[in-house]
Protein backbone atom coordinates (compact mmCIF):
# COMPACT_ATOMS: atom_id res chain seq x y z
CA MET A 1 1.15 9.91 3.21
CA ILE A 2 -0.48 6.56 2.61
CA HIS A 3 -1.81 4.78 5.69
CA PHE A 4 -1.92 1.01 5.34
CA VAL A 5 -4.61 -1.18 6.91
CA THR A 6 -2.44 -4.29 6.87
CA ASP A 7 -1.61 -4.54 10.56
CA ILE A 8 -3.75 -7.22 12.20
CA CYS A 9 -5.61 -6.79 15.46
CA ASP A 10 -7.56 -9.55 17.21
CA GLY A 11 -10.60 -10.60 15.22
CA GLU A 12 -9.59 -8.78 12.03
CA PRO A 13 -8.99 -10.54 8.70
CA ASP A 14 -5.48 -10.87 7.27
CA ILE A 15 -5.61 -8.84 4.05
CA LEU A 16 -1.82 -8.79 3.64
CA GLY A 17 -1.18 -12.56 3.70
CA PRO A 18 -2.74 -13.45 0.33
CA ALA A 19 -0.95 -10.56 -1.42
CA LEU A 20 2.56 -10.71 0.10
CA SER A 21 4.27 -11.29 -3.24
CA GLU A 22 2.22 -8.84 -5.31
CA SER A 23 3.57 -5.51 -6.56
CA LEU A 24 2.56 -2.38 -4.66
CA THR A 25 0.64 -0.08 -6.97
CA VAL A 26 -0.17 3.47 -5.90
CA LYS A 27 -2.77 5.43 -7.86
CA THR A 28 -4.34 8.86 -7.58
CA LEU A 29 -7.94 8.93 -6.43
CA ASP A 30 -8.79 9.34 -10.14
CA GLY A 31 -6.95 6.09 -10.94
CA ASP A 32 -3.78 7.49 -12.52
CA LEU A 33 -0.59 5.54 -11.75
CA ILE A 34 1.80 7.18 -9.29
CA ALA A 35 4.13 4.27 -8.56
CA CYS A 36 4.51 0.53 -9.05
CA VAL A 37 6.96 -1.17 -6.70
CA PRO A 38 7.91 -4.86 -6.90
CA PRO A 39 7.72 -6.83 -3.66
CA PRO A 40 10.82 -7.31 -1.53
CA SER A 41 12.42 -10.76 -1.74
CA GLY A 42 10.67 -12.00 1.42
CA GLY A 43 7.33 -10.41 0.55
CA TRP A 44 5.67 -7.35 2.01
CA THR A 45 5.20 -6.74 5.71
CA HIS A 46 3.24 -3.95 7.34
CA THR A 47 6.54 -2.31 8.27
CA SER A 48 8.01 -2.55 4.76
CA LEU A 49 4.83 -0.99 3.34
CA GLU A 50 5.08 1.89 5.82
CA ILE A 51 8.72 2.46 4.82
CA GLU A 52 7.74 2.50 1.15
CA ALA A 53 4.95 4.99 1.91
CA GLU A 54 7.52 7.36 3.40
CA MET A 55 9.71 6.99 0.31
CA ILE A 56 6.90 7.88 -2.11
CA ALA A 57 5.16 10.47 0.09
CA GLN A 58 6.20 13.36 -2.18
CA LYS A 59 4.58 11.66 -5.17
CA THR A 60 1.21 11.25 -3.43
CA GLY A 61 1.06 14.99 -2.74
CA SER A 62 -2.11 16.66 -1.55
CA SER A 63 -4.39 15.15 -4.19
CA GLY A 64 -4.81 11.81 -2.41
CA ALA A 65 -3.91 8.27 -3.36
CA ASP A 66 -4.93 4.63 -2.93
CA ALA A 67 -2.55 1.68 -2.54
CA PHE A 68 -3.02 -1.85 -3.84
CA LEU A 69 -1.15 -5.13 -3.63
CA GLY A 70 -2.17 -6.81 -6.84
CA SER A 71 -5.89 -6.06 -7.02
CA SER A 72 -6.35 -5.87 -3.23
CA TRP A 73 -6.84 -2.41 -1.73
CA VAL A 74 -4.46 -2.08 1.24
CA GLY A 75 -4.36 1.62 2.11
CA SER A 76 -4.97 5.24 1.25
CA THR A 77 -4.08 8.80 2.08
CA GLU A 78 -7.74 9.14 3.02
CA VAL A 79 -7.75 6.61 5.91
């Protein structure tokens, strides 16, 4: 399953904020498209990304995958 790095702890940069309204794109580690999901009406949250990861977990399989909001890397099965 994809693990997102979009939760913010003290002193960490906000990587989710600038990409809230971007589509979630999930690709294999070789760059092949697995899924492209439009943003929810209010934009992505860490929780909504985690829910989406559960919904597409079967598609990411054992080969590994990276997740992007727009062009920003936001998570991976390898984290």
